[in-house]
Amino acid sequence: MDYRISLTKSAKKALIALPSDHAKRIVEALESLRSDPFSRVKRLKGSHLFSLRSGDYRIILSIRRDQLLVLVLRIGHRSGVYRGL
């Protein structure tokens, strides 16, 4: 069973604002999570959230096993994406 990938409004907005080559790489990274989302992610310390690397960008996400859902919360440059979590 494959997981669904869903983006919040703010994550969609951030993805659209990125240069096309970075956005394409991020979409490919997200698609690779469909079959096994735990294969490439790193759990954030003290949190239920996960981080996925894509070049200099990070994708903050929540994985809901019971719903087979990967929810993308934030997409941003590694220098500032973790602020306020």
PDB file of N, CA and C in Angstrom:
ATOM      1  N   MET A   1       0.841  -1.187   0.000  1.00  0.00           N
ATOM      2  CA  MET A   1       0.000   0.000   0.000  1.00  0.00           C
ATOM      3  C   MET A   1       0.883   1.246   0.000  1.00  0.00           C
ATOM      4  N   ASP A   2       0.563   2.138  -0.881  1.00  0.00           N
ATOM      5  CA  ASP A   2       1.324   3.378  -0.981  1.00  0.00           C
ATOM      6  C   ASP A   2       0.730   4.459  -0.096  1.00  0.00           C
ATOM      7  N   TYR A   3       1.594   5.320   0.388  1.00  0.00           N
ATOM      8  CA  TYR A   3       1.183   6.482   1.171  1.00  0.00           C
ATOM      9  C   TYR A   3       0.752   7.600   0.232  1.00  0.00           C
ATOM     10  N   ARG A   4      -0.203   8.400   0.681  1.00  0.00           N
ATOM     11  CA  ARG A   4      -0.579   9.612  -0.044  1.00  0.00           C
ATOM     12  C   ARG A   4       0.340  10.738   0.407  1.00  0.00           C
ATOM     13  N   ILE A   5       0.643  11.660  -0.486  1.00  0.00           N
ATOM     14  CA  ILE A   5       1.446  12.837  -0.157  1.00  0.00           C
ATOM     15  C   ILE A   5       0.527  14.044  -0.226  1.00  0.00           C
ATOM     16  N   SER A   6       0.476  14.810   0.856  1.00  0.00           N
ATOM     17  CA  SER A   6      -0.360  15.995   0.903  1.00  0.00           C
ATOM     18  C   SER A   6       0.470  17.168   1.426  1.00  0.00           C
ATOM     19  N   LEU A   7       0.258  18.347   0.852  1.00  0.00           N
ATOM     20  CA  LEU A   7       0.990  19.544   1.261  1.00  0.00           C
ATOM     21  C   LEU A   7       0.038  20.554   1.885  1.00  0.00           C
ATOM     22  N   THR A   8       0.494  21.228   2.931  1.00  0.00           N
ATOM     23  CA  THR A   8      -0.283  22.317   3.498  1.00  0.00           C
ATOM     24  C   THR A   8      -0.232  23.501   2.533  1.00  0.00           C
ATOM     25  N   LYS A   9      -1.091  24.483   2.753  1.00  0.00           N
ATOM     26  CA  LYS A   9      -1.098  25.670   1.882  1.00  0.00           C
ATOM     27  C   LYS A   9       0.250  26.380   1.899  1.00  0.00           C
ATOM     28  N   SER A  10       0.844  26.500   3.085  1.00  0.00           N
ATOM     29  CA  SER A  10       2.125  27.204   3.178  1.00  0.00           C
ATOM     30  C   SER A  10       3.241  26.417   2.490  1.00  0.00           C
ATOM     31  N   ALA A  11       3.186  25.081   2.544  1.00  0.00           N
ATOM     32  CA  ALA A  11       4.195  24.269   1.855  1.00  0.00           C
ATOM     33  C   ALA A  11       4.039  24.386   0.344  1.00  0.00           C
ATOM     34  N   LYS A  12       2.798  24.410  -0.148  1.00  0.00           N
ATOM     35  CA  LYS A  12       2.572  24.590  -1.591  1.00  0.00           C
ATOM     36  C   LYS A  12       3.105  25.937  -2.058  1.00  0.00           C
ATOM     37  N   LYS A  13       2.837  26.958  -1.255  1.00  0.00           N
ATOM     38  CA  LYS A  13       3.284  28.303  -1.590  1.00  0.00           C
ATOM     39  C   LYS A  13       4.814  28.377  -1.636  1.00  0.00           C
ATOM     40  N   ALA A  14       5.461  27.737  -0.671  1.00  0.00           N
ATOM     41  CA  ALA A  14       6.930  27.721  -0.639  1.00  0.00           C
ATOM     42  C   ALA A  14       7.497  26.951  -1.825  1.00  0.00           C
ATOM     43  N   LEU A  15       6.862  25.859  -2.209  1.00  0.00           N
ATOM     44  CA  LEU A  15       7.323  25.058  -3.335  1.00  0.00           C
ATOM     45  C   LEU A  15       7.214  25.834  -4.645  1.00  0.00           C
ATOM     46  N   ILE A  16       6.122  26.542  -4.820  1.00  0.00           N
ATOM     47  CA  ILE A  16       5.914  27.334  -6.036  1.00  0.00           C
ATOM     48  C   ILE A  16       6.923  28.480  -6.131  1.00  0.00           C
ATOM     49  N   ALA A  17       7.331  29.022  -4.990  1.00  0.00           N
ATOM     50  CA  ALA A  17       8.253  30.157  -4.968  1.00  0.00           C
ATOM     51  C   ALA A  17       9.705  29.759  -5.268  1.00  0.00           C
ATOM     52  N   LEU A  18      10.017  28.468  -5.198  1.00  0.00           N
ATOM     53  CA  LEU A  18      11.388  28.012  -5.434  1.00  0.00           C
ATOM     54  C   LEU A  18      11.734  28.019  -6.922  1.00  0.00           C
ATOM     55  N   PRO A  19      13.023  28.120  -7.247  1.00  0.00           N
ATOM     56  CA  PRO A  19      13.440  27.956  -8.645  1.00  0.00           C
ATOM     57  C   PRO A  19      13.020  26.568  -9.146  1.00  0.00           C
ATOM     58  N   SER A  20      12.720  26.469 -10.416  1.00  0.00           N
ATOM     59  CA  SER A  20      12.135  25.241 -10.961  1.00  0.00           C
ATOM     60  C   SER A  20      13.013  24.008 -10.774  1.00  0.00           C
ATOM     61  N   ASP A  21      14.333  24.150 -10.858  1.00  0.00           N
ATOM     62  CA  ASP A  21      15.189  22.975 -10.684  1.00  0.00           C
ATOM     63  C   ASP A  21      15.144  22.437  -9.258  1.00  0.00           C
ATOM     64  N   HIS A  22      15.089  23.335  -8.269  1.00  0.00           N
ATOM     65  CA  HIS A  22      14.977  22.906  -6.869  1.00  0.00           C
ATOM     66  C   HIS A  22      13.599  22.303  -6.607  1.00  0.00           C
ATOM     67  N   ALA A  23      12.566  22.925  -7.141  1.00  0.00           N
ATOM     68  CA  ALA A  23      11.202  22.430  -6.943  1.00  0.00           C
ATOM     69  C   ALA A  23      11.050  21.028  -7.533  1.00  0.00           C
ATOM     70  N   LYS A  24      11.623  20.813  -8.701  1.00  0.00           N
ATOM     71  CA  LYS A  24      11.537  19.497  -9.348  1.00  0.00           C
ATOM     72  C   LYS A  24      12.228  18.432  -8.498  1.00  0.00           C
ATOM     73  N   ARG A  25      13.383  18.773  -7.950  1.00  0.00           N
ATOM     74  CA  ARG A  25      14.119  17.837  -7.099  1.00  0.00           C
ATOM     75  C   ARG A  25      13.334  17.503  -5.828  1.00  0.00           C
ATOM     76  N   ILE A  26      12.661  18.495  -5.261  1.00  0.00           N
ATOM     77  CA  ILE A  26      11.860  18.277  -4.058  1.00  0.00           C
ATOM     78  C   ILE A  26      10.667  17.392  -4.361  1.00  0.00           C
ATOM     79  N   VAL A  27       9.998  17.622  -5.471  1.00  0.00           N
ATOM     80  CA  VAL A  27       8.852  16.785  -5.859  1.00  0.00           C
ATOM     81  C   VAL A  27       9.298  15.337  -6.055  1.00  0.00           C
ATOM     82  N   GLU A  28      10.436  15.138  -6.689  1.00  0.00           N
ATOM     83  CA  GLU A  28      10.962  13.777  -6.878  1.00  0.00           C
ATOM     84  C   GLU A  28      11.279  13.120  -5.539  1.00  0.00           C
ATOM     85  N   ALA A  29      11.837  13.887  -4.594  1.00  0.00           N
ATOM     86  CA  ALA A  29      12.144  13.346  -3.269  1.00  0.00           C
ATOM     87  C   ALA A  29      10.861  12.938  -2.546  1.00  0.00           C
ATOM     88  N   LEU A  30       9.819  13.759  -2.674  1.00  0.00           N
ATOM     89  CA  LEU A  30       8.546  13.431  -2.038  1.00  0.00           C
ATOM     90  C   LEU A  30       7.913  12.194  -2.667  1.00  0.00           C
ATOM     91  N   GLU A  31       7.986  12.077  -3.971  1.00  0.00           N
ATOM     92  CA  GLU A  31       7.423  10.912  -4.656  1.00  0.00           C
ATOM     93  C   GLU A  31       8.125   9.624  -4.226  1.00  0.00           C
ATOM     94  N   SER A  32       9.399   9.722  -3.895  1.00  0.00           N
ATOM     95  CA  SER A  32      10.138   8.531  -3.470  1.00  0.00           C
ATOM     96  C   SER A  32       9.674   8.010  -2.110  1.00  0.00           C
ATOM     97  N   LEU A  33       8.908   8.810  -1.385  1.00  0.00           N
ATOM     98  CA  LEU A  33       8.414   8.403  -0.065  1.00  0.00           C
ATOM     99  C   LEU A  33       7.132   7.582  -0.134  1.00  0.00           C
ATOM    100  N   ARG A  34       6.501   7.509  -1.282  1.00  0.00           N
ATOM    101  CA  ARG A  34       5.206   6.828  -1.393  1.00  0.00           C
ATOM    102  C   ARG A  34       5.230   5.384  -0.896  1.00  0.00           C
ATOM    103  N   SER A  35       6.218   4.620  -1.287  1.00  0.00           N
ATOM    104  CA  SER A  35       6.222   3.201  -0.921  1.00  0.00           C
ATOM    105  C   SER A  35       6.746   2.963   0.500  1.00  0.00           C
ATOM    106  N   ASP A  36       7.764   3.699   0.928  1.00  0.00           N
ATOM    107  CA  ASP A  36       8.317   3.549   2.278  1.00  0.00           C
ATOM    108  C   ASP A  36       8.814   4.899   2.783  1.00  0.00           C
ATOM    109  N   PRO A  37       7.960   5.655   3.459  1.00  0.00           N
ATOM    110  CA  PRO A  37       8.358   7.010   3.874  1.00  0.00           C
ATOM    111  C   PRO A  37       9.450   7.044   4.933  1.00  0.00           C
ATOM    112  N   PHE A  38       9.681   5.946   5.624  1.00  0.00           N
ATOM    113  CA  PHE A  38      10.685   5.957   6.681  1.00  0.00           C
ATOM    114  C   PHE A  38      12.096   5.641   6.170  1.00  0.00           C
ATOM    115  N   SER A  39      12.218   5.377   4.881  1.00  0.00           N
ATOM    116  CA  SER A  39      13.516   4.992   4.335  1.00  0.00           C
ATOM    117  C   SER A  39      14.502   6.154   4.225  1.00  0.00           C
ATOM    118  N   ARG A  40      14.020   7.360   4.007  1.00  0.00           N
ATOM    119  CA  ARG A  40      14.928   8.488   3.749  1.00  0.00           C
ATOM    120  C   ARG A  40      14.797   9.639   4.737  1.00  0.00           C
ATOM    121  N   VAL A  41      13.894   9.541   5.690  1.00  0.00           N
ATOM    122  CA  VAL A  41      13.651  10.667   6.590  1.00  0.00           C
ATOM    123  C   VAL A  41      14.435  10.514   7.894  1.00  0.00           C
ATOM    124  N   LYS A  42      14.564  11.646   8.576  1.00  0.00           N
ATOM    125  CA  LYS A  42      15.233  11.677   9.870  1.00  0.00           C
ATOM    126  C   LYS A  42      14.252  12.274  10.882  1.00  0.00           C
ATOM    127  N   ARG A  43      14.085  11.610  12.011  1.00  0.00           N
ATOM    128  CA  ARG A  43      13.172  12.112  13.045  1.00  0.00           C
ATOM    129  C   ARG A  43      13.813  13.306  13.747  1.00  0.00           C
ATOM    130  N   LEU A  44      13.036  14.350  13.965  1.00  0.00           N
ATOM    131  CA  LEU A  44      13.529  15.531  14.666  1.00  0.00           C
ATOM    132  C   LEU A  44      13.504  15.261  16.164  1.00  0.00           C
ATOM    133  N   LYS A  45      14.564  15.598  16.830  1.00  0.00           N
ATOM    134  CA  LYS A  45      14.679  15.331  18.270  1.00  0.00           C
ATOM    135  C   LYS A  45      13.565  16.030  19.043  1.00  0.00           C
ATOM    136  N   GLY A  46      12.948  15.282  19.947  1.00  0.00           N
ATOM    137  CA  GLY A  46      11.919  15.838  20.809  1.00  0.00           C
ATOM    138  C   GLY A  46      10.640  16.193  20.087  1.00  0.00           C
ATOM    139  N   SER A  47      10.384  15.570  18.953  1.00  0.00           N
ATOM    140  CA  SER A  47       9.215  15.917  18.160  1.00  0.00           C
ATOM    141  C   SER A  47       8.675  14.680  17.452  1.00  0.00           C
ATOM    142  N   HIS A  48       7.448  14.787  16.986  1.00  0.00           N
ATOM    143  CA  HIS A  48       6.835  13.718  16.191  1.00  0.00           C
ATOM    144  C   HIS A  48       7.026  13.972  14.694  1.00  0.00           C
ATOM    145  N   LEU A  49       7.780  15.017  14.371  1.00  0.00           N
ATOM    146  CA  LEU A  49       7.994  15.408  12.973  1.00  0.00           C
ATOM    147  C   LEU A  49       9.266  14.785  12.405  1.00  0.00           C
ATOM    148  N   PHE A  50       9.344  14.782  11.078  1.00  0.00           N
ATOM    149  CA  PHE A  50      10.479  14.231  10.370  1.00  0.00           C
ATOM    150  C   PHE A  50      11.024  15.270   9.395  1.00  0.00           C
ATOM    151  N   SER A  51      12.279  15.087   8.997  1.00  0.00           N
ATOM    152  CA  SER A  51      12.926  15.971   8.038  1.00  0.00           C
ATOM    153  C   SER A  51      13.451  15.133   6.872  1.00  0.00           C
ATOM    154  N   LEU A  52      13.283  15.673   5.674  1.00  0.00           N
ATOM    155  CA  LEU A  52      13.790  15.040   4.458  1.00  0.00           C
ATOM    156  C   LEU A  52      14.720  16.029   3.781  1.00  0.00           C
ATOM    157  N   ARG A  53      15.918  15.587   3.433  1.00  0.00           N
ATOM    158  CA  ARG A  53      16.902  16.447   2.775  1.00  0.00           C
ATOM    159  C   ARG A  53      16.733  16.408   1.268  1.00  0.00           C
ATOM    160  N   SER A  54      16.878  17.572   0.662  1.00  0.00           N
ATOM    161  CA  SER A  54      16.903  17.675  -0.792  1.00  0.00           C
ATOM    162  C   SER A  54      17.847  18.824  -1.138  1.00  0.00           C
ATOM    163  N   GLY A  55      19.108  18.498  -1.321  1.00  0.00           N
ATOM    164  CA  GLY A  55      20.103  19.537  -1.563  1.00  0.00           C
ATOM    165  C   GLY A  55      20.241  20.433  -0.346  1.00  0.00           C
ATOM    166  N   ASP A  56      20.162  21.755  -0.542  1.00  0.00           N
ATOM    167  CA  ASP A  56      20.239  22.708   0.565  1.00  0.00           C
ATOM    168  C   ASP A  56      18.872  22.968   1.198  1.00  0.00           C
ATOM    169  N   TYR A  57      17.853  22.281   0.731  1.00  0.00           N
ATOM    170  CA  TYR A  57      16.501  22.483   1.231  1.00  0.00           C
ATOM    171  C   TYR A  57      16.081  21.327   2.122  1.00  0.00           C
ATOM    172  N   ARG A  58      15.184  21.636   3.048  1.00  0.00           N
ATOM    173  CA  ARG A  58      14.653  20.635   3.955  1.00  0.00           C
ATOM    174  C   ARG A  58      13.134  20.635   3.852  1.00  0.00           C
ATOM    175  N   ILE A  59      12.567  19.456   3.995  1.00  0.00           N
ATOM    176  CA  ILE A  59      11.125  19.278   3.951  1.00  0.00           C
ATOM    177  C   ILE A  59      10.721  18.732   5.314  1.00  0.00           C
ATOM    178  N   ILE A  60       9.917  19.486   6.040  1.00  0.00           N
ATOM    179  CA  ILE A  60       9.446  19.062   7.350  1.00  0.00           C
ATOM    180  C   ILE A  60       8.095  18.390   7.145  1.00  0.00           C
ATOM    181  N   LEU A  61       7.966  17.178   7.669  1.00  0.00           N
ATOM    182  CA  LEU A  61       6.728  16.448   7.430  1.00  0.00           C
ATOM    183  C   LEU A  61       6.303  15.631   8.633  1.00  0.00           C
ATOM    184  N   SER A  62       5.044  15.256   8.584  1.00  0.00           N
ATOM    185  CA  SER A  62       4.439  14.387   9.583  1.00  0.00           C
ATOM    186  C   SER A  62       3.982  13.135   8.844  1.00  0.00           C
ATOM    187  N   ILE A  63       4.274  11.981   9.422  1.00  0.00           N
ATOM    188  CA  ILE A  63       3.873  10.722   8.798  1.00  0.00           C
ATOM    189  C   ILE A  63       2.798  10.089   9.667  1.00  0.00           C
ATOM    190  N   ARG A  64       1.648   9.858   9.077  1.00  0.00           N
ATOM    191  CA  ARG A  64       0.510   9.276   9.797  1.00  0.00           C
ATOM    192  C   ARG A  64       0.279   7.860   9.286  1.00  0.00           C
ATOM    193  N   ARG A  65       0.768   6.908  10.048  1.00  0.00           N
ATOM    194  CA  ARG A  65       0.695   5.498   9.640  1.00  0.00           C
ATOM    195  C   ARG A  65      -0.734   5.006   9.505  1.00  0.00           C
ATOM    196  N   ASP A  66      -1.590   5.406  10.435  1.00  0.00           N
ATOM    197  CA  ASP A  66      -2.968   4.911  10.436  1.00  0.00           C
ATOM    198  C   ASP A  66      -3.758   5.372   9.210  1.00  0.00           C
ATOM    199  N   GLN A  67      -3.378   6.505   8.633  1.00  0.00           N
ATOM    200  CA  GLN A  67      -4.072   7.046   7.458  1.00  0.00           C
ATOM    201  C   GLN A  67      -3.274   6.845   6.170  1.00  0.00           C
ATOM    202  N   LEU A  68      -2.088   6.249   6.277  1.00  0.00           N
ATOM    203  CA  LEU A  68      -1.174   6.117   5.131  1.00  0.00           C
ATOM    204  C   LEU A  68      -0.989   7.469   4.445  1.00  0.00           C
ATOM    205  N   LEU A  69      -0.592   8.456   5.249  1.00  0.00           N
ATOM    206  CA  LEU A  69      -0.486   9.833   4.781  1.00  0.00           C
ATOM    207  C   LEU A  69       0.857  10.433   5.174  1.00  0.00           C
ATOM    208  N   VAL A  70       1.495  11.102   4.230  1.00  0.00           N
ATOM    209  CA  VAL A  70       2.675  11.923   4.490  1.00  0.00           C
ATOM    210  C   VAL A  70       2.227  13.363   4.292  1.00  0.00           C
ATOM    211  N   LEU A  71       2.208  14.125   5.379  1.00  0.00           N
ATOM    212  CA  LEU A  71       1.754  15.512   5.341  1.00  0.00           C
ATOM    213  C   LEU A  71       2.965  16.435   5.379  1.00  0.00           C
ATOM    214  N   VAL A  72       3.163  17.191   4.311  1.00  0.00           N
ATOM    215  CA  VAL A  72       4.281  18.127   4.213  1.00  0.00           C
ATOM    216  C   VAL A  72       3.857  19.437   4.872  1.00  0.00           C
ATOM    217  N   LEU A  73       4.587  19.814   5.915  1.00  0.00           N
ATOM    218  CA  LEU A  73       4.245  21.012   6.683  1.00  0.00           C
ATOM    219  C   LEU A  73       5.022  22.237   6.234  1.00  0.00           C
ATOM    220  N   ARG A  74       6.304  22.059   5.961  1.00  0.00           N
ATOM    221  CA  ARG A  74       7.164  23.179   5.569  1.00  0.00           C
ATOM    222  C   ARG A  74       8.172  22.733   4.538  1.00  0.00           C
ATOM    223  N   ILE A  75       8.536  23.653   3.669  1.00  0.00           N
ATOM    224  CA  ILE A  75       9.632  23.465   2.729  1.00  0.00           C
ATOM    225  C   ILE A  75      10.446  24.748   2.773  1.00  0.00           C
ATOM    226  N   GLY A  76      11.741  24.620   2.987  1.00  0.00           N
ATOM    227  CA  GLY A  76      12.555  25.820   3.035  1.00  0.00           C
ATOM    228  C   GLY A  76      14.034  25.517   3.070  1.00  0.00           C
ATOM    229  N   HIS A  77      14.819  26.565   2.968  1.00  0.00           N
ATOM    230  CA  HIS A  77      16.261  26.431   3.016  1.00  0.00           C
ATOM    231  C   HIS A  77      16.670  25.956   4.401  1.00  0.00           C
ATOM    232  N   ARG A  78      17.702  25.172   4.459  1.00  0.00           N
ATOM    233  CA  ARG A  78      18.124  24.574   5.725  1.00  0.00           C
ATOM    234  C   ARG A  78      18.500  25.587   6.793  1.00  0.00           C
ATOM    235  N   SER A  79      18.818  26.811   6.393  1.00  0.00           N
ATOM    236  CA  SER A  79      19.213  27.826   7.356  1.00  0.00           C
ATOM    237  C   SER A  79      18.053  28.351   8.195  1.00  0.00           C
ATOM    238  N   GLY A  80      16.814  28.207   7.714  1.00  0.00           N
ATOM    239  CA  GLY A  80      15.715  28.783   8.473  1.00  0.00           C
ATOM    240  C   GLY A  80      14.472  27.936   8.620  1.00  0.00           C
ATOM    241  N   VAL A  81      14.443  26.768   8.039  1.00  0.00           N
ATOM    242  CA  VAL A  81      13.216  25.986   8.030  1.00  0.00           C
ATOM    243  C   VAL A  81      12.865  25.422   9.414  1.00  0.00           C
ATOM    244  N   TYR A  82      13.850  25.260  10.279  1.00  0.00           N
ATOM    245  CA  TYR A  82      13.586  24.663  11.590  1.00  0.00           C
ATOM    246  C   TYR A  82      13.141  25.683  12.645  1.00  0.00           C
ATOM    247  N   ARG A  83      13.246  26.969  12.335  1.00  0.00           N
ATOM    248  CA  ARG A  83      12.867  28.004  13.315  1.00  0.00           C
ATOM    249  C   ARG A  83      11.383  27.939  13.635  1.00  0.00           C
ATOM    250  N   GLY A  84      11.090  27.979  14.918  1.00  0.00           N
ATOM    251  CA  GLY A  84       9.700  28.017  15.349  1.00  0.00           C
ATOM    252  C   GLY A  84       9.009  26.671  15.426  1.00  0.00           C
ATOM    253  N   LEU A  85       9.735  25.592  15.309  1.00  0.00           N
ATOM    254  CA  LEU A  85       9.107  24.268  15.410  1.00  0.00           C
ATOM    255  C   LEU A  85       8.945  23.861  16.852  1.00  0.00           C
TER     256      LEU A  85
END
